[in-house]
Amino acid sequence: MKRGAFAFALALALLAKSGPVLAQSSIVSQIAGDKAASDKLNFGLKFGVSCSQLKGLGYGDRLGAFDFGLAATIKLGRKLFLSPELTLFSRKGATEIPFVTTGDPALDPYFADPKKSAIVLDGQEIPVLVMYRLGRFELGAGPFVGFLDSASERFRTELGTGEELLHARDVTEAYRTFNYGLVFEAAWIITMPRGGEGLVLHIRYQGGLADIVKDPAVAGSVRTAGLQVFFSFPFIR
């Protein structure tokens, strides 16, 4: 997470140094001073759900998860905005994966149901979108980069007693730590209070362009893809 947070702060700092966008003030003064938000800049929180898949894996179904992060909105023109974000918790993967033995033949039958299995990739992402506003609606696109923290294969089962057992295998070493791709988004500004942004609903498609598997001979080219639905709202005005 430190890598993603550092890159996000660096991106904002470079934008702040670039000129008129932040009204000739540095990012430090924007955050620490009484001008932390203005009609040209505001910071917000985003939270929602995502449904992802691993294209090219050859098996598995979509995986649902929660997303949470930070966002900045920078006004470039009357209808044009730049929106760099840091997704602090981003989860991707697939369900219904092939079973991996526990090493104990007596336990293996308990985890054989593929509907209770998943491969889970956890990390952070930094999307940077250019948004065009049409009244209360926005359309936008831009690149994203992602940083992998961990990858695991998980198999669950429920016992007759109501207890749940988990068999997990760490497969982080099989995946690349860096991902990148493109984002396409449509947004609806639900509330627009005087002097700033309000609650916004976002619907976003994200397509990875990088092969995330280190050994393509094992699984072929595997790329991330998914749909995200989330809300954002400013926490500094």
Protein backbone atom coordinates (compact mmCIF):
# COMPACT_ATOMS: atom_id res chain seq x y z
CA MET A 1 0.00 0.00 0.00
CA LYS A 2 2.92 2.34 0.58
CA ARG A 3 3.85 2.17 -3.10
CA GLY A 4 0.35 3.17 -4.20
CA ALA A 5 0.02 5.98 -1.67
CA PHE A 6 3.43 7.38 -2.61
CA ALA A 7 2.61 7.33 -6.32
CA PHE A 8 -0.74 9.05 -5.69
CA ALA A 9 0.86 11.82 -3.63
CA LEU A 10 3.59 12.25 -6.23
CA ALA A 11 1.03 12.57 -9.02
CA LEU A 12 -0.86 15.27 -7.14
CA ALA A 13 2.36 17.11 -6.37
CA LEU A 14 3.32 17.14 -10.04
CA LEU A 15 -0.12 18.47 -10.96
CA ALA A 16 0.19 21.18 -8.34
CA LYS A 17 3.52 22.31 -9.81
CA SER A 18 2.13 22.46 -13.35
CA GLY A 19 0.48 25.88 -13.13
CA PRO A 20 -3.02 27.27 -13.20
CA VAL A 21 -4.96 24.19 -12.18
CA LEU A 22 -4.41 24.79 -8.48
CA ALA A 23 -4.27 28.56 -8.73
CA GLN A 24 -0.50 28.78 -8.31
CA SER A 25 -0.46 27.08 -4.92
CA SER A 26 1.54 24.00 -3.92
CA ILE A 27 -0.10 20.72 -2.95
CA VAL A 28 1.26 21.10 0.58
CA SER A 29 -0.51 24.40 1.12
CA GLN A 30 -3.65 23.02 -0.48
CA ILE A 31 -3.80 20.14 1.98
CA ALA A 32 -2.52 21.84 5.12
CA GLY A 33 -3.82 25.36 4.71
CA ASP A 34 -7.25 26.93 4.66
CA LYS A 35 -7.46 26.33 0.91
CA ALA A 36 -7.51 22.57 1.09
CA ALA A 37 -10.49 22.70 -1.26
CA SER A 38 -11.69 25.29 -3.73
CA ASP A 39 -13.80 25.58 -6.86
CA LYS A 40 -10.83 24.07 -8.74
CA LEU A 41 -9.88 21.27 -6.35
CA ASN A 42 -11.59 18.97 -3.86
CA PHE A 43 -10.76 15.69 -2.16
CA GLY A 44 -13.21 12.88 -1.50
CA LEU A 45 -13.85 9.31 -0.41
CA LYS A 46 -15.13 6.53 -2.64
CA PHE A 47 -16.69 3.21 -1.69
CA GLY A 48 -18.64 0.54 -3.53
CA VAL A 49 -18.60 -2.94 -5.00
CA SER A 50 -16.84 -4.60 -7.90
CA CYS A 51 -17.35 -7.72 -10.00
CA SER A 52 -14.13 -8.95 -11.60
CA GLN A 53 -12.87 -11.82 -13.71
CA LEU A 54 -9.54 -13.13 -14.94
CA LYS A 55 -9.72 -13.33 -18.72
CA GLY A 56 -7.68 -16.10 -20.27
CA LEU A 57 -7.54 -18.20 -17.12
CA GLY A 58 -9.61 -20.91 -18.80
CA TYR A 59 -11.81 -21.57 -15.79
CA GLY A 60 -13.61 -19.77 -13.01
CA ASP A 61 -16.52 -17.38 -12.59
CA ARG A 62 -16.71 -13.72 -11.53
CA LEU A 63 -15.65 -12.61 -8.05
CA GLY A 64 -17.52 -9.91 -6.12
CA ALA A 65 -15.78 -7.61 -3.62
CA PHE A 66 -15.79 -4.22 -1.90
CA ASP A 67 -13.66 -1.25 -2.98
CA PHE A 68 -12.57 1.73 -0.91
CA GLY A 69 -10.31 4.67 -1.66
CA LEU A 70 -9.54 8.37 -2.01
CA ALA A 71 -10.09 10.70 -4.95
CA ALA A 72 -9.30 14.23 -6.04
CA THR A 73 -11.24 16.31 -8.58
CA ILE A 74 -9.25 18.99 -10.40
CA LYS A 75 -11.07 21.45 -12.64
CA LEU A 76 -9.36 21.90 -16.01
CA GLY A 77 -12.10 23.90 -17.66
CA ARG A 78 -15.80 24.70 -17.45
CA LYS A 79 -16.80 21.12 -18.29
CA LEU A 80 -13.50 19.26 -18.12
CA PHE A 81 -12.09 17.66 -14.96
CA LEU A 82 -9.11 15.51 -14.00
CA SER A 83 -9.75 12.82 -11.38
CA PRO A 84 -6.72 10.97 -9.91
CA GLU A 85 -7.65 8.29 -7.37
CA LEU A 86 -6.07 5.86 -4.95
CA THR A 87 -8.02 2.66 -4.36
CA LEU A 88 -6.68 1.55 -1.00
CA PHE A 89 -8.42 -1.83 -1.10
CA SER A 90 -8.87 -3.45 -4.50
CA ARG A 91 -9.77 -7.13 -4.86
CA LYS A 92 -9.86 -9.10 -8.09
CA GLY A 93 -10.01 -12.77 -8.92
CA ALA A 94 -12.28 -15.64 -9.88
CA THR A 95 -14.48 -18.23 -8.21
CA GLU A 96 -14.99 -21.95 -8.92
CA ILE A 97 -11.32 -22.78 -9.42
CA PRO A 98 -9.81 -26.30 -9.58
CA PHE A 99 -9.24 -27.92 -6.22
CA VAL A 100 -5.73 -28.10 -4.75
CA THR A 101 -5.14 -30.93 -2.30
CA THR A 102 -4.71 -30.16 1.38
CA GLY A 103 -2.15 -32.94 1.70
CA ASP A 104 -4.57 -34.92 3.87
CA PRO A 105 -6.78 -37.40 1.91
CA ALA A 106 -9.28 -37.42 4.76
CA LEU A 107 -9.85 -33.64 4.46
CA ASP A 108 -9.84 -33.31 0.67
CA PRO A 109 -13.49 -34.39 0.11
CA TYR A 110 -14.71 -31.56 2.35
CA PHE A 111 -13.23 -28.93 0.00
CA ALA A 112 -14.17 -30.53 -3.31
CA ASP A 113 -17.17 -28.24 -4.02
CA PRO A 114 -15.91 -25.71 -6.64
CA LYS A 115 -18.69 -23.23 -5.81
CA LYS A 116 -16.91 -22.47 -2.53
CA SER A 117 -13.49 -21.85 -4.01
CA ALA A 118 -11.80 -18.69 -5.29
CA ILE A 119 -8.52 -17.16 -6.32
CA VAL A 120 -8.16 -13.75 -4.67
CA LEU A 121 -5.77 -10.95 -5.71
CA ASP A 122 -5.52 -8.07 -3.23
CA GLY A 123 -3.71 -4.78 -3.79
CA GLN A 124 -4.06 -1.09 -4.61
CA GLU A 125 -4.82 0.79 -7.80
CA ILE A 126 -4.31 4.32 -9.11
CA PRO A 127 -6.74 5.32 -11.87
CA VAL A 128 -6.43 8.78 -13.47
CA LEU A 129 -9.50 9.81 -15.47
CA VAL A 130 -10.36 12.81 -17.62
CA MET A 131 -14.06 13.54 -17.13
CA TYR A 132 -16.39 15.61 -19.33
CA ARG A 133 -19.50 17.01 -17.64
CA LEU A 134 -22.93 17.30 -19.24
CA GLY A 135 -25.23 18.83 -16.64
CA ARG A 136 -25.39 16.28 -13.84
CA PHE A 137 -23.81 13.53 -15.93
CA GLU A 138 -20.14 12.82 -16.61
CA LEU A 139 -18.35 10.63 -19.10
CA GLY A 140 -14.66 9.84 -18.85
CA ALA A 141 -11.75 7.53 -19.47
CA GLY A 142 -8.11 7.14 -18.57
CA PRO A 143 -5.35 4.74 -17.55
CA PHE A 144 -4.84 2.86 -14.30
CA VAL A 145 -1.91 1.13 -12.64
CA GLY A 146 -2.19 -1.57 -10.00
CA PHE A 147 0.10 -3.00 -7.33
CA LEU A 148 -0.36 -6.55 -6.02
CA ASP A 149 0.01 -7.23 -2.30
CA SER A 150 -1.04 -10.87 -2.12
CA ALA A 151 -2.63 -13.69 -4.09
CA SER A 152 -4.21 -16.80 -2.60
CA GLU A 153 -6.31 -19.78 -3.58
CA ARG A 154 -9.09 -20.39 -1.07
CA PHE A 155 -11.36 -23.38 -0.49
CA ARG A 156 -14.18 -23.33 2.06
CA THR A 157 -16.57 -25.86 3.52
CA GLU A 158 -19.31 -25.79 6.14
CA LEU A 159 -19.54 -28.58 8.68
CA GLY A 160 -22.78 -29.96 10.02
CA THR A 161 -22.06 -28.16 13.30
CA GLY A 162 -22.25 -24.78 11.56
CA GLU A 163 -18.50 -24.27 11.66
CA GLU A 164 -16.60 -23.22 8.56
CA LEU A 165 -13.24 -24.60 7.49
CA LEU A 166 -10.80 -22.78 5.21
CA HIS A 167 -7.96 -24.25 3.19
CA ALA A 168 -5.80 -21.48 1.68
CA ARG A 169 -2.65 -21.55 -0.43
CA ASP A 170 -0.41 -18.52 -0.98
CA VAL A 171 0.30 -18.11 -4.72
CA THR A 172 1.65 -14.53 -4.69
CA GLU A 173 4.91 -15.61 -6.33
CA ALA A 174 3.01 -16.84 -9.39
CA TYR A 175 1.66 -13.35 -10.21
CA ARG A 176 3.29 -10.11 -11.31
CA THR A 177 3.23 -7.25 -8.82
CA PHE A 178 2.41 -4.61 -11.46
CA ASN A 179 -0.72 -4.26 -13.57
CA TYR A 180 -2.00 -1.56 -15.92
CA GLY A 181 -4.90 -0.91 -18.25
CA LEU A 182 -7.76 1.42 -19.20
CA VAL A 183 -10.85 2.67 -17.39
CA PHE A 184 -14.16 3.88 -18.89
CA GLU A 185 -16.75 5.56 -16.69
CA ALA A 186 -20.20 7.13 -16.60
CA ALA A 187 -21.22 9.10 -13.49
CA TRP A 188 -24.34 10.80 -12.18
CA ILE A 189 -24.04 13.72 -9.75
CA ILE A 190 -26.87 12.97 -7.30
CA THR A 191 -26.42 16.09 -5.18
CA MET A 192 -24.68 19.31 -6.16
CA PRO A 193 -24.52 21.59 -3.10
CA ARG A 194 -23.69 25.19 -3.58
CA GLY A 195 -19.98 25.79 -3.89
CA GLY A 196 -18.83 22.21 -4.49
CA GLU A 197 -19.40 18.59 -5.37
CA GLY A 198 -21.81 16.29 -3.57
CA LEU A 199 -22.74 12.62 -3.73
CA VAL A 200 -21.84 11.02 -7.07
CA LEU A 201 -22.75 7.57 -8.42
CA HIS A 202 -20.09 5.99 -10.67
CA ILE A 203 -20.36 3.02 -13.04
CA ARG A 204 -16.98 1.96 -14.36
CA TYR A 205 -15.52 -0.70 -16.61
CA GLN A 206 -11.87 -1.55 -16.09
CA GLY A 207 -9.84 -3.63 -18.51
CA GLY A 208 -6.31 -4.79 -17.78
CA LEU A 209 -3.73 -4.83 -20.58
CA ALA A 210 -0.90 -6.58 -18.73
CA ASP A 211 -0.38 -10.32 -18.46
CA ILE A 212 -0.49 -10.81 -14.69
CA VAL A 213 0.85 -14.39 -14.63
CA LYS A 214 4.62 -14.75 -14.44
CA ASP A 215 4.78 -18.07 -16.31
CA PRO A 216 2.52 -17.87 -19.40
CA ALA A 217 3.27 -21.51 -20.19
CA VAL A 218 1.23 -22.52 -17.15
CA ALA A 219 -2.00 -20.60 -17.75
CA GLY A 220 -1.51 -18.59 -20.96
CA SER A 221 -2.08 -14.84 -21.06
CA VAL A 222 -4.28 -13.77 -18.13
CA ARG A 223 -5.68 -10.24 -17.79
CA THR A 224 -8.00 -8.58 -15.29
CA ALA A 225 -11.39 -7.13 -16.20
CA GLY A 226 -14.38 -5.99 -14.23
CA LEU A 227 -17.29 -3.71 -13.51
CA GLN A 228 -17.30 -1.31 -10.55
CA VAL A 229 -20.28 0.53 -9.04
CA PHE A 230 -19.46 3.01 -6.29
CA PHE A 231 -20.30 6.32 -4.64
CA SER A 232 -17.99 9.24 -4.01
CA PHE A 233 -18.42 12.32 -1.84
CA PRO A 234 -16.09 15.12 -0.71
CA PHE A 235 -14.60 15.05 2.78
CA ILE A 236 -12.81 18.41 2.35
CA ARG A 237 -14.61 21.45 0.95
